[in-house]
Amino acid sequence: MMKMISLVQRFDSSILLYIKDNMQGIIMDKSMVISSYLGNGGIIWIIIVAILMINKKYRKIGFMALAALILSTILGEEILKNVVRRIRPSENIPAIDLLISKPLSYSFPSGHTTSSFAVAGVLAKYFKRYAVVFLGLASLIGFSRLYLYVHYPTDILAGIGLGLLCSAIIIYLFDKDNNKIKSVI
């Protein structure tokens, strides 16, 4: 078990170090701060959900995206973070100057990434033409958390997996519910 933990720590550290040594600069600093901000509190996803809910044609998809966002928050922020209690990289390496306010919660999984992929997964399913845009935005938000040194790569990978799982669960539940309604009619 200790070998596995050590291997994960080396993997995480090597990627963070690569980003720090090869990608940092003024333009990247500014764009990553903005990208991360879009994920704060799921703001970009809440705006998209609100737009969908206003339109009667897309209201159900809006509700599904909102349900995925809520489920991902409960599972990621309220349960997993408090069970795992992983310290953020910025805590372990105090020499790093953060470009954003120091997050107060635990690191695993990345909440920004989890919520982004939960909503993007739903949107990609129903708006296939724009799937690359939604998943690309979710990926950018996740990467920004690495760049800003507030998450480890495995936090991001877990966030992607958990987010997509939440979207799959919501899609399944809504589709199952729709099939019951159709069979009654």
Protein backbone atom coordinates (compact mmCIF):
# COMPACT_ATOMS: atom_id res chain seq x y z
CA MET A 1 0.00 0.00 0.00
CA MET A 2 2.82 2.41 0.88
CA LYS A 3 4.50 1.73 -2.49
CA MET A 4 1.24 2.64 -4.25
CA ILE A 5 0.90 5.88 -2.26
CA SER A 6 4.52 6.74 -3.01
CA LEU A 7 3.99 6.05 -6.70
CA VAL A 8 0.89 8.30 -6.77
CA GLN A 9 2.79 11.06 -4.95
CA ARG A 10 5.65 10.87 -7.45
CA PHE A 11 3.17 10.96 -10.36
CA ASP A 12 1.38 13.98 -8.88
CA SER A 13 4.60 15.83 -8.07
CA SER A 14 6.18 15.21 -11.47
CA ILE A 15 3.18 16.67 -13.33
CA LEU A 16 2.92 19.71 -11.05
CA LEU A 17 6.66 20.31 -11.42
CA TYR A 18 6.41 19.99 -15.22
CA ILE A 19 3.62 22.58 -15.33
CA LYS A 20 5.55 24.91 -13.04
CA ASP A 21 8.79 24.60 -15.02
CA ASN A 22 7.36 24.65 -18.57
CA MET A 23 4.06 26.50 -18.71
CA GLN A 24 4.06 29.40 -16.30
CA GLY A 25 4.00 32.94 -17.60
CA ILE A 26 1.99 36.15 -17.41
CA ILE A 27 -0.56 35.22 -20.09
CA MET A 28 -1.06 31.72 -18.68
CA ASP A 29 -1.29 33.11 -15.13
CA LYS A 30 -4.12 35.45 -16.12
CA SER A 31 -5.99 32.93 -18.28
CA MET A 32 -5.79 30.20 -15.61
CA VAL A 33 -7.10 32.54 -12.91
CA ILE A 34 -10.05 33.42 -15.17
CA SER A 35 -10.64 29.76 -16.08
CA SER A 36 -10.63 28.76 -12.43
CA TYR A 37 -12.97 31.62 -11.57
CA LEU A 38 -15.53 30.27 -14.07
CA GLY A 39 -15.73 27.13 -11.95
CA ASN A 40 -16.06 28.93 -8.59
CA GLY A 41 -19.32 27.75 -7.07
CA GLY A 42 -20.17 26.23 -10.46
CA ILE A 43 -21.01 29.75 -11.68
CA ILE A 44 -20.57 29.14 -15.41
CA TRP A 45 -22.63 25.95 -15.17
CA ILE A 46 -25.37 27.65 -13.14
CA ILE A 47 -25.61 30.37 -15.80
CA ILE A 48 -25.93 27.73 -18.53
CA VAL A 49 -28.54 25.82 -16.48
CA ALA A 50 -30.54 29.02 -15.94
CA ILE A 51 -30.51 29.77 -19.69
CA LEU A 52 -31.71 26.23 -20.43
CA MET A 53 -34.45 26.40 -17.80
CA ILE A 54 -35.82 29.64 -19.22
CA ASN A 55 -36.41 27.93 -22.57
CA LYS A 56 -39.30 25.46 -22.36
CA LYS A 57 -37.78 23.27 -25.07
CA TYR A 58 -34.58 22.73 -23.04
CA ARG A 59 -35.99 22.95 -19.50
CA LYS A 60 -35.67 19.19 -18.81
CA ILE A 61 -32.00 19.24 -19.82
CA GLY A 62 -31.54 22.24 -17.52
CA PHE A 63 -33.08 20.31 -14.63
CA MET A 64 -30.88 17.31 -15.42
CA ALA A 65 -27.75 19.47 -15.47
CA LEU A 66 -28.79 21.06 -12.17
CA ALA A 67 -29.43 17.63 -10.64
CA ALA A 68 -25.98 16.46 -11.79
CA LEU A 69 -24.41 19.59 -10.27
CA ILE A 70 -26.18 19.02 -6.95
CA LEU A 71 -25.31 15.31 -6.86
CA SER A 72 -21.65 16.04 -7.65
CA THR A 73 -21.51 18.63 -4.88
CA ILE A 74 -23.01 16.26 -2.31
CA LEU A 75 -20.74 13.35 -3.25
CA GLY A 76 -17.55 15.36 -3.85
CA GLU A 77 -17.63 18.32 -1.50
CA GLU A 78 -19.71 16.99 1.36
CA ILE A 79 -18.72 13.33 1.46
CA LEU A 80 -15.44 12.45 -0.30
CA LYS A 81 -13.45 15.54 0.68
CA ASN A 82 -14.34 15.00 4.33
CA VAL A 83 -13.59 11.27 4.24
CA VAL A 84 -10.25 11.50 2.38
CA ARG A 85 -9.08 14.84 3.91
CA ARG A 86 -6.20 15.28 1.49
CA ILE A 87 -4.09 18.40 2.04
CA ARG A 88 -3.65 20.69 -0.97
CA PRO A 89 -0.30 20.93 -2.79
CA SER A 90 0.01 24.59 -1.79
CA GLU A 91 -0.01 23.45 1.86
CA ASN A 92 2.69 20.83 1.32
CA ILE A 93 4.93 23.20 -0.64
CA PRO A 94 4.76 26.57 1.15
CA ALA A 95 7.25 28.27 -1.21
CA ILE A 96 4.55 28.49 -3.91
CA ASP A 97 2.91 31.90 -4.25
CA LEU A 98 -0.75 31.33 -5.04
CA LEU A 99 -2.39 33.47 -7.73
CA ILE A 100 -5.82 32.99 -6.16
CA SER A 101 -7.18 32.95 -2.62
CA LYS A 102 -6.11 29.91 -0.67
CA PRO A 103 -8.95 27.35 -0.79
CA LEU A 104 -10.20 26.35 2.65
CA SER A 105 -11.50 22.87 1.88
CA TYR A 106 -9.62 19.65 1.28
CA SER A 107 -8.09 18.71 -2.06
CA PHE A 108 -9.57 15.32 -3.09
CA PRO A 109 -11.49 15.32 -5.37
CA SER A 110 -11.39 18.65 -7.17
CA GLY A 111 -14.80 20.25 -6.71
CA HIS A 112 -14.33 22.54 -9.70
CA THR A 113 -13.56 19.54 -11.90
CA THR A 114 -16.27 17.30 -10.47
CA SER A 115 -19.04 19.85 -10.94
CA SER A 116 -17.75 20.84 -14.37
CA PHE A 117 -17.73 17.30 -15.71
CA ALA A 118 -21.07 16.48 -14.08
CA VAL A 119 -22.80 19.27 -15.98
CA ALA A 120 -20.68 18.96 -19.14
CA GLY A 121 -21.51 15.24 -19.27
CA VAL A 122 -25.24 15.98 -19.34
CA LEU A 123 -24.86 18.81 -21.85
CA ALA A 124 -22.58 16.76 -24.12
CA LYS A 125 -25.18 13.97 -24.21
CA TYR A 126 -28.01 16.23 -25.36
CA PHE A 127 -26.10 18.85 -27.34
CA LYS A 128 -23.74 16.54 -29.22
CA ARG A 129 -22.75 19.27 -31.68
CA TYR A 130 -21.27 21.26 -28.77
CA ALA A 131 -19.90 18.33 -26.75
CA VAL A 132 -16.30 19.33 -27.47
CA VAL A 133 -17.01 22.86 -26.22
CA PHE A 134 -18.61 21.70 -22.95
CA LEU A 135 -16.01 19.02 -22.24
CA GLY A 136 -13.22 21.39 -23.33
CA LEU A 137 -14.43 24.05 -20.89
CA ALA A 138 -14.64 21.46 -18.11
CA SER A 139 -11.10 20.31 -18.96
CA LEU A 140 -9.80 23.88 -18.96
CA ILE A 141 -11.32 24.51 -15.54
CA GLY A 142 -9.78 21.27 -14.23
CA PHE A 143 -6.36 22.09 -15.69
CA SER A 144 -6.49 25.58 -14.19
CA ARG A 145 -6.67 24.01 -10.73
CA LEU A 146 -3.41 22.15 -11.42
CA TYR A 147 -1.75 25.22 -12.85
CA LEU A 148 -2.77 27.28 -9.81
CA TYR A 149 -1.28 24.63 -7.50
CA VAL A 150 -4.47 24.00 -5.54
CA HIS A 151 -4.97 20.39 -6.69
CA TYR A 152 -2.94 17.33 -7.49
CA PRO A 153 -3.41 15.57 -10.84
CA THR A 154 -5.10 12.63 -9.11
CA ASP A 155 -7.62 15.09 -7.58
CA ILE A 156 -8.46 16.21 -11.11
CA LEU A 157 -8.67 12.65 -12.46
CA ALA A 158 -10.98 11.67 -9.59
CA GLY A 159 -13.07 14.80 -10.26
CA ILE A 160 -13.44 13.86 -13.94
CA GLY A 161 -14.50 10.32 -13.04
CA LEU A 162 -16.90 11.37 -10.29
CA GLY A 163 -18.39 14.16 -12.43
CA LEU A 164 -19.02 11.85 -15.38
CA LEU A 165 -20.45 9.22 -13.02
CA CYS A 166 -22.87 11.82 -11.61
CA SER A 167 -23.97 12.84 -15.12
CA ALA A 168 -24.47 9.17 -16.07
CA ILE A 169 -26.56 8.53 -12.94
CA ILE A 170 -28.77 11.56 -13.62
CA ILE A 171 -29.20 10.69 -17.30
CA TYR A 172 -30.11 7.12 -16.33
CA LEU A 173 -32.63 8.27 -13.70
CA PHE A 174 -34.29 10.81 -15.98
CA ASP A 175 -34.39 8.37 -18.92
CA LYS A 176 -35.79 5.65 -16.66
CA ASP A 177 -38.43 8.10 -15.43
CA ASN A 178 -39.26 9.07 -19.03
CA ASN A 179 -39.68 5.41 -20.03
CA LYS A 180 -42.23 4.92 -17.21
CA ILE A 181 -44.18 7.96 -18.36
CA LYS A 182 -44.14 6.81 -22.00
CA SER A 183 -45.32 3.31 -21.07
CA VAL A 184 -48.26 4.71 -19.11
CA ILE A 185 -49.37 6.99 -21.96
